[in-house]
Amino acid sequence: MSNPAGRPTGRRIDVPRGSVTSPDGLLVVDKPAGITSHDVVAMTRRLAATRKVGHAGTLDPAATGVLLLGIGRATRFLTYLVGADKTYRATARLGQTTLTEDADGELTSAAGCPPGPDLTARIDTALASLTGEIMQVPSAVSAIKIDGVRSYARVRGGEDVDLPARPVTIHALTRSGAPRSTTAADGTAVVDVDLEVHCSSGTYVRALARDLGTALGCGAHLTALRRTEVGPFTVAEAATIASLSAVVAAGQTLPVLPLAAVARRCFPAVALDEAEARALRHGQPLPAAVLDRAQPPGHRVVSKAAAPGVAAGFDPAGGLVALLAHKGEHARPVLVLPN
């Protein structure tokens, strides 16, 4: 998800500047609420003492949770992670809609959602209808470009934006706990529903909340969002900005995951001999049969959509040499990682 209305962030956390450049690798950060993903990148550049920092998929300023950052050569790896499946915990409020489809936007309707004996069953039925391979209309206040202009910018300018639906996969969309009846600040009787979402990259969770409200006939918007997984990387292993700041303040480097470890978690692994490793380091292809030796990753594959047919080649010492893909009669390197 991207900053829904392109608004400024309002604050940035002060962090110390690293005295030693961070080693190359992937950093799993637990993004706090109130700052953008780009703010986290800027702070990490300071902590890591390098400009070479990028991220693999944004989170809204109000959202929290897993943000994958590449440092140094790991920035070249991010394109193969950005398409990873995601898992979220979210809360949808039934009975009100907003311009941005989340709690930051102005109210556009407040029909309310009075509790009823069949409401829970109706919610579960609606959630089931939004599960699987679906066509989703992205939020009009998304960062999608229309003729070179961000959709949210057009909305801010008073335009009516009508984005086409696109395919996404909702692997699981379930209710967590019982719906909670409450009264909104404007006095509207609403119902809050906690959700667990496992979805493909490109899914707008705000749009799922919107469509849930449409299915129930009362409208809805998203009030909370926390990303708990990106591919095989979880919030349990994520570091906070505060903990990273403490590490750097103590004169240590950031606790990055080395690229070889990341590749083993994300892609099938191919053990190479010295001659094969040397050929790949020079950008030369190998026979396609090399890929038949690939072993499954230690964790579930990042996503079929993220890097279809890509495997990681390792030299006899266990070093990551390249990412490989089947092309014609060859296994060709799509990304070479020099020593």
Protein backbone atom coordinates (compact mmCIF):
# COMPACT_ATOMS: atom_id res chain seq x y z
CA MET A 1 0.00 0.00 0.00
CA SER A 2 1.17 3.53 -0.68
CA ASN A 3 0.52 6.85 0.99
CA PRO A 4 -3.17 7.14 0.11
CA ALA A 5 -3.40 10.87 -0.37
CA GLY A 6 0.23 11.80 -0.86
CA ARG A 7 0.22 13.71 2.43
CA PRO A 8 3.39 14.74 4.28
CA THR A 9 4.41 12.43 7.09
CA GLY A 10 4.48 14.94 9.94
CA ARG A 11 7.45 13.50 11.84
CA ARG A 12 10.71 11.66 11.46
CA ILE A 13 12.58 9.76 14.15
CA ASP A 14 16.05 11.03 14.97
CA VAL A 15 18.65 8.29 14.58
CA PRO A 16 22.44 8.23 15.04
CA ARG A 17 24.77 8.18 12.07
CA GLY A 18 26.73 4.96 11.71
CA SER A 19 30.49 5.28 12.01
CA VAL A 20 31.05 2.16 9.89
CA THR A 21 29.30 1.34 6.61
CA SER A 22 26.87 -1.54 7.00
CA PRO A 23 27.68 -4.80 5.23
CA ASP A 24 25.56 -5.75 2.22
CA GLY A 25 22.37 -7.57 3.11
CA LEU A 26 18.66 -7.52 3.79
CA LEU A 27 17.27 -5.70 6.82
CA VAL A 28 13.82 -6.63 8.15
CA VAL A 29 12.33 -3.58 9.86
CA ASP A 30 9.14 -3.24 11.92
CA LYS A 31 7.91 0.10 10.58
CA PRO A 32 6.17 2.27 13.18
CA ALA A 33 3.02 4.25 12.49
CA GLY A 34 3.22 7.90 11.49
CA ILE A 35 6.13 7.79 9.04
CA THR A 36 6.41 6.72 5.41
CA SER A 37 8.45 3.85 4.04
CA HIS A 38 10.69 6.47 2.40
CA ASP A 39 11.30 7.98 5.85
CA VAL A 40 12.49 4.56 7.02
CA VAL A 41 14.82 4.35 4.03
CA ALA A 42 16.24 7.80 4.84
CA MET A 43 16.81 6.86 8.49
CA THR A 44 18.43 3.57 7.49
CA ARG A 45 20.82 5.38 5.15
CA ARG A 46 21.99 7.37 8.15
CA LEU A 47 22.22 4.29 10.39
CA ALA A 48 24.01 2.25 7.72
CA ALA A 49 26.33 5.09 6.67
CA THR A 50 25.53 4.53 3.00
CA ARG A 51 23.21 5.94 0.34
CA LYS A 52 22.65 2.49 -1.14
CA VAL A 53 19.40 1.58 0.63
CA GLY A 54 16.09 0.64 -0.99
CA HIS A 55 12.84 -1.07 -0.01
CA ALA A 56 10.74 -3.88 -1.45
CA GLY A 57 7.19 -2.55 -1.23
CA THR A 58 5.77 0.39 0.72
CA LEU A 59 3.45 0.66 3.69
CA ASP A 60 1.03 3.53 4.34
CA PRO A 61 2.18 6.01 7.01
CA ALA A 62 -0.53 4.75 9.40
CA ALA A 63 0.37 1.09 8.83
CA THR A 64 2.97 -0.84 10.78
CA GLY A 65 4.94 -4.03 10.33
CA VAL A 66 7.36 -5.75 8.01
CA LEU A 67 9.33 -3.57 5.62
CA LEU A 68 12.17 -5.21 3.69
CA LEU A 69 15.22 -3.03 3.08
CA GLY A 70 18.19 -3.83 0.88
CA ILE A 71 21.56 -2.37 1.80
CA GLY A 72 24.55 -2.13 -0.56
CA ARG A 73 24.52 -4.85 -3.22
CA ALA A 74 21.29 -6.19 -1.71
CA THR A 75 19.41 -3.34 -3.42
CA ARG A 76 19.87 -5.32 -6.66
CA PHE A 77 18.01 -8.19 -5.01
CA LEU A 78 14.88 -6.21 -4.20
CA THR A 79 13.28 -6.59 -7.63
CA TYR A 80 13.04 -10.33 -6.91
CA LEU A 81 11.35 -9.73 -3.55
CA VAL A 82 8.90 -6.96 -4.36
CA GLY A 83 6.39 -9.45 -5.79
CA ALA A 84 6.29 -11.57 -2.63
CA ASP A 85 3.03 -12.64 -1.06
CA LYS A 86 2.02 -10.62 2.01
CA THR A 87 0.18 -11.35 5.25
CA TYR A 88 -1.66 -8.68 7.24
CA ARG A 89 -3.73 -8.14 10.35
CA ALA A 90 -6.34 -5.50 9.68
CA THR A 91 -9.47 -3.93 11.17
CA ALA A 92 -12.42 -2.88 9.03
CA ARG A 93 -15.13 -0.57 10.37
CA LEU A 94 -18.58 -1.37 9.00
CA GLY A 95 -21.09 1.45 8.67
CA GLN A 96 -18.90 4.32 7.46
CA THR A 97 -17.00 5.10 4.26
CA THR A 98 -14.19 7.61 3.77
CA LEU A 99 -12.58 9.33 0.80
CA THR A 100 -9.32 7.41 1.27
CA GLU A 101 -10.96 4.13 2.31
CA ASP A 102 -9.04 4.32 5.60
CA ALA A 103 -9.25 6.26 8.85
CA ASP A 104 -7.20 9.20 7.53
CA GLY A 105 -9.83 10.29 5.03
CA GLU A 106 -12.89 12.45 5.49
CA LEU A 107 -16.21 10.67 5.95
CA THR A 108 -18.23 10.27 2.77
CA SER A 109 -21.13 8.26 4.24
CA ALA A 110 -22.29 7.08 7.65
CA ALA A 111 -25.16 4.66 7.12
CA GLY A 112 -24.25 2.77 10.27
CA CYS A 113 -24.24 -0.97 10.86
CA PRO A 114 -26.61 -2.00 13.62
CA PRO A 115 -25.79 -5.44 15.06
CA GLY A 116 -28.12 -8.25 14.10
CA PRO A 117 -28.41 -11.96 14.83
CA ASP A 118 -27.18 -12.88 11.36
CA LEU A 119 -24.43 -10.25 11.02
CA THR A 120 -21.52 -12.58 11.82
CA ALA A 121 -22.72 -15.15 9.28
CA ARG A 122 -23.19 -12.43 6.66
CA ILE A 123 -19.67 -11.13 7.30
CA ASP A 124 -18.21 -14.61 6.86
CA THR A 125 -20.14 -15.12 3.64
CA ALA A 126 -18.91 -11.78 2.29
CA LEU A 127 -15.32 -12.60 3.21
CA ALA A 128 -15.59 -15.93 1.41
CA SER A 129 -16.79 -14.13 -1.73
CA LEU A 130 -13.64 -11.98 -1.66
CA THR A 131 -11.29 -14.97 -1.37
CA GLY A 132 -9.42 -16.63 -4.24
CA GLU A 133 -8.48 -15.17 -7.60
CA ILE A 134 -10.51 -11.99 -7.86
CA MET A 135 -10.66 -8.81 -9.90
CA GLN A 136 -10.02 -5.88 -7.56
CA VAL A 137 -10.56 -2.20 -8.32
CA PRO A 138 -7.61 -0.37 -6.69
CA SER A 139 -8.30 2.53 -4.39
CA ALA A 140 -8.75 5.80 -6.26
CA VAL A 141 -6.24 7.36 -3.85
CA SER A 142 -3.53 4.85 -4.72
CA ALA A 143 -0.16 5.73 -6.26
CA ILE A 144 -1.13 4.20 -9.61
CA LYS A 145 -0.32 6.55 -12.48
CA ILE A 146 -2.90 7.71 -15.00
CA ASP A 147 -1.28 9.39 -18.00
CA GLY A 148 1.80 10.04 -15.88
CA VAL A 149 -0.08 11.53 -12.89
CA ARG A 150 -0.60 9.66 -9.61
CA SER A 151 -4.21 8.72 -9.00
CA TYR A 152 -4.21 10.29 -5.52
CA ALA A 153 -3.01 13.59 -7.03
CA ARG A 154 -5.94 13.60 -9.43
CA VAL A 155 -8.35 12.94 -6.54
CA ARG A 156 -6.78 15.81 -4.55
CA GLY A 157 -7.33 18.01 -7.59
CA GLY A 158 -11.04 17.25 -7.54
CA GLU A 159 -11.11 14.74 -10.39
CA ASP A 160 -13.29 11.64 -10.37
CA VAL A 161 -10.94 8.70 -10.89
CA ASP A 162 -12.17 5.37 -12.18
CA LEU A 163 -9.39 2.78 -12.15
CA PRO A 164 -9.82 -0.53 -14.00
CA ALA A 165 -10.02 -3.75 -12.01
CA ARG A 166 -6.97 -5.98 -12.01
CA PRO A 167 -6.38 -9.58 -10.94
CA VAL A 168 -5.11 -10.32 -7.44
CA THR A 169 -5.10 -13.49 -5.39
CA ILE A 170 -6.50 -13.58 -1.87
CA HIS A 171 -5.13 -16.82 -0.46
CA ALA A 172 -7.02 -16.41 2.81
CA LEU A 173 -9.36 -13.76 4.22
CA THR A 174 -10.81 -14.65 7.60
CA ARG A 175 -12.36 -12.99 10.61
CA SER A 176 -10.31 -12.95 13.81
CA GLY A 177 -12.62 -12.95 16.81
CA ALA A 178 -16.19 -11.74 17.04
CA PRO A 179 -17.36 -8.47 15.45
CA ARG A 180 -17.48 -5.60 17.96
CA SER A 181 -20.35 -3.12 18.05
CA THR A 182 -19.32 0.41 19.00
CA THR A 183 -20.22 4.05 18.47
CA ALA A 184 -18.06 6.19 16.19
CA ALA A 185 -17.00 9.74 17.10
CA ASP A 186 -19.87 11.18 15.07
CA GLY A 187 -22.40 9.01 16.93
CA THR A 188 -22.86 6.43 14.18
CA ALA A 189 -23.48 2.85 15.30
CA VAL A 190 -20.67 0.86 13.67
CA VAL A 191 -19.12 -2.60 13.86
CA ASP A 192 -15.38 -3.29 13.91
CA VAL A 193 -14.13 -6.54 12.38
CA ASP A 194 -10.58 -7.84 12.83
CA LEU A 195 -9.26 -9.64 9.77
CA GLU A 196 -6.37 -11.92 8.80
CA VAL A 197 -5.32 -11.44 5.17
CA HIS A 198 -2.87 -13.52 3.10
CA CYS A 199 -2.65 -12.10 -0.39
CA SER A 200 -0.59 -11.63 -3.51
CA SER A 201 1.51 -8.57 -4.14
CA GLY A 202 -0.52 -5.71 -5.57
CA THR A 203 -3.52 -6.29 -3.30
CA TYR A 204 -5.02 -3.21 -1.64
CA VAL A 205 -6.24 -4.15 1.83
CA ARG A 206 -8.15 -0.86 1.94
CA ALA A 207 -10.03 -2.04 -1.13
CA LEU A 208 -10.87 -5.33 0.61
CA ALA A 209 -12.40 -3.37 3.49
CA ARG A 210 -14.31 -1.20 1.01
CA ASP A 211 -15.62 -4.23 -0.87
CA LEU A 212 -16.61 -5.98 2.36
CA GLY A 213 -18.76 -2.97 3.24
CA THR A 214 -20.26 -2.93 -0.25
CA ALA A 215 -21.15 -6.62 -0.01
CA LEU A 216 -22.87 -6.02 3.32
CA GLY A 217 -24.70 -2.92 2.06
CA CYS A 218 -23.45 -0.62 4.83
CA GLY A 219 -20.09 0.62 3.56
CA ALA A 220 -16.76 0.19 5.37
CA HIS A 221 -13.25 1.54 5.68
CA LEU A 222 -9.93 0.35 7.10
CA THR A 223 -8.99 1.56 10.59
CA ALA A 224 -5.82 -0.44 11.32
CA LEU A 225 -3.23 -2.36 9.30
CA ARG A 226 -0.17 -4.35 10.33
CA ARG A 227 1.93 -6.35 7.87
CA THR A 228 3.12 -9.51 9.58
CA GLU A 229 4.87 -11.31 6.70
CA VAL A 230 6.54 -10.58 3.38
CA GLY A 231 7.35 -13.88 1.71
CA PRO A 232 9.33 -15.92 4.25
CA PHE A 233 10.21 -12.89 6.39
CA THR A 234 8.10 -12.28 9.50
CA VAL A 235 7.51 -9.51 12.00
CA ALA A 236 8.93 -11.78 14.73
CA GLU A 237 12.42 -11.28 13.25
CA ALA A 238 11.96 -7.59 12.44
CA ALA A 239 14.00 -4.92 14.22
CA THR A 240 12.51 -1.65 15.43
CA ILE A 241 14.03 1.72 14.60
CA ALA A 242 14.82 2.11 18.31
CA SER A 243 16.72 -1.18 18.49
CA LEU A 244 18.67 -0.39 15.32
CA SER A 245 19.55 3.02 16.73
CA ALA A 246 20.85 1.39 19.90
CA VAL A 247 23.02 -0.99 17.86
CA VAL A 248 24.58 1.86 15.89
CA ALA A 249 25.00 4.04 19.01
CA ALA A 250 27.02 1.16 20.51
CA GLY A 251 29.38 1.29 17.53
CA GLN A 252 28.10 -1.90 15.89
CA THR A 253 26.87 -2.49 12.33
CA LEU A 254 23.28 -3.24 11.46
CA PRO A 255 22.09 -6.87 11.86
CA VAL A 256 21.55 -7.56 8.17
CA LEU A 257 20.79 -10.96 6.64
CA PRO A 258 23.58 -11.89 4.19
CA LEU A 259 22.48 -12.34 0.59
CA ALA A 260 23.36 -16.05 0.61
CA ALA A 261 21.02 -16.61 3.57
CA VAL A 262 18.27 -14.57 1.90
CA ALA A 263 18.61 -16.55 -1.34
CA ARG A 264 18.42 -19.90 0.48
CA ARG A 265 15.19 -18.82 2.14
CA CYS A 266 13.59 -17.48 -1.02
CA PHE A 267 14.68 -19.62 -3.98
CA PRO A 268 15.51 -23.21 -4.92
CA ALA A 269 19.27 -23.73 -4.47
CA VAL A 270 21.67 -25.19 -7.05
CA ALA A 271 25.07 -26.48 -5.88
CA LEU A 272 27.69 -25.52 -8.48
CA ASP A 273 31.16 -26.87 -9.06
CA GLU A 274 34.10 -24.50 -9.46
CA ALA A 275 33.94 -24.43 -13.26
CA GLU A 276 30.19 -23.66 -13.25
CA ALA A 277 30.60 -20.94 -10.65
CA ARG A 278 33.44 -19.36 -12.63
CA ALA A 279 31.37 -19.39 -15.83
CA LEU A 280 28.44 -17.70 -14.13
CA ARG A 281 30.66 -15.02 -12.59
CA HIS A 282 31.66 -14.15 -16.15
CA GLY A 283 28.02 -13.98 -17.23
CA GLN A 284 28.17 -17.20 -19.22
CA PRO A 285 25.17 -19.57 -19.45
CA LEU A 286 25.13 -23.14 -18.23
CA PRO A 287 23.21 -26.13 -19.63
CA ALA A 288 19.54 -26.03 -18.60
CA ALA A 289 19.98 -29.41 -16.91
CA VAL A 290 21.83 -27.61 -14.10
CA LEU A 291 18.46 -26.41 -12.83
CA ASP A 292 17.33 -30.03 -12.40
CA ARG A 293 19.68 -30.15 -9.41
CA ALA A 294 17.81 -27.39 -7.61
CA GLN A 295 16.73 -28.17 -4.05
CA PRO A 296 13.65 -26.55 -2.48
CA PRO A 297 14.25 -23.47 -0.30
CA GLY A 298 14.40 -23.76 3.46
CA HIS A 299 11.19 -21.74 3.70
CA ARG A 300 8.27 -21.37 1.36
CA VAL A 301 9.18 -19.76 -1.96
CA VAL A 302 8.70 -15.99 -1.92
CA SER A 303 6.07 -16.05 -4.65
CA LYS A 304 5.58 -17.68 -8.00
CA ALA A 305 4.75 -14.26 -9.35
CA ALA A 306 7.86 -12.68 -7.85
CA ALA A 307 10.48 -14.64 -9.74
CA PRO A 308 9.06 -17.59 -11.70
CA GLY A 309 11.64 -20.24 -12.52
CA VAL A 310 14.47 -18.45 -10.72
CA ALA A 311 16.99 -20.47 -8.70
CA ALA A 312 20.06 -19.45 -6.69
CA GLY A 313 23.46 -20.86 -7.62
CA PHE A 314 26.03 -21.44 -4.85
CA ASP A 315 29.74 -22.19 -5.20
CA PRO A 316 31.40 -25.14 -3.38
CA ALA A 317 32.16 -22.87 -0.40
CA GLY A 318 28.48 -21.92 -0.06
CA GLY A 319 28.84 -18.43 -1.50
CA LEU A 320 26.01 -17.00 -3.60
CA VAL A 321 27.17 -16.68 -7.22
CA ALA A 322 24.06 -15.74 -9.20
CA LEU A 323 20.34 -16.05 -9.66
CA LEU A 324 19.56 -18.32 -12.63
CA ALA A 325 16.58 -18.75 -14.91
CA HIS A 326 15.73 -21.26 -17.63
CA LYS A 327 16.02 -19.62 -21.06
CA GLY A 328 15.86 -21.89 -24.09
CA GLU A 329 18.44 -24.64 -23.74
CA HIS A 330 20.40 -22.79 -21.09
CA ALA A 331 20.33 -21.71 -17.47
CA ARG A 332 21.29 -18.07 -17.77
CA PRO A 333 22.27 -15.70 -14.94
CA VAL A 334 19.70 -12.96 -14.35
CA LEU A 335 21.71 -11.43 -11.51
CA VAL A 336 25.41 -12.05 -10.85
CA LEU A 337 26.78 -11.30 -7.39
CA PRO A 338 30.51 -10.66 -7.65
CA ASN A 339 32.83 -11.63 -4.82
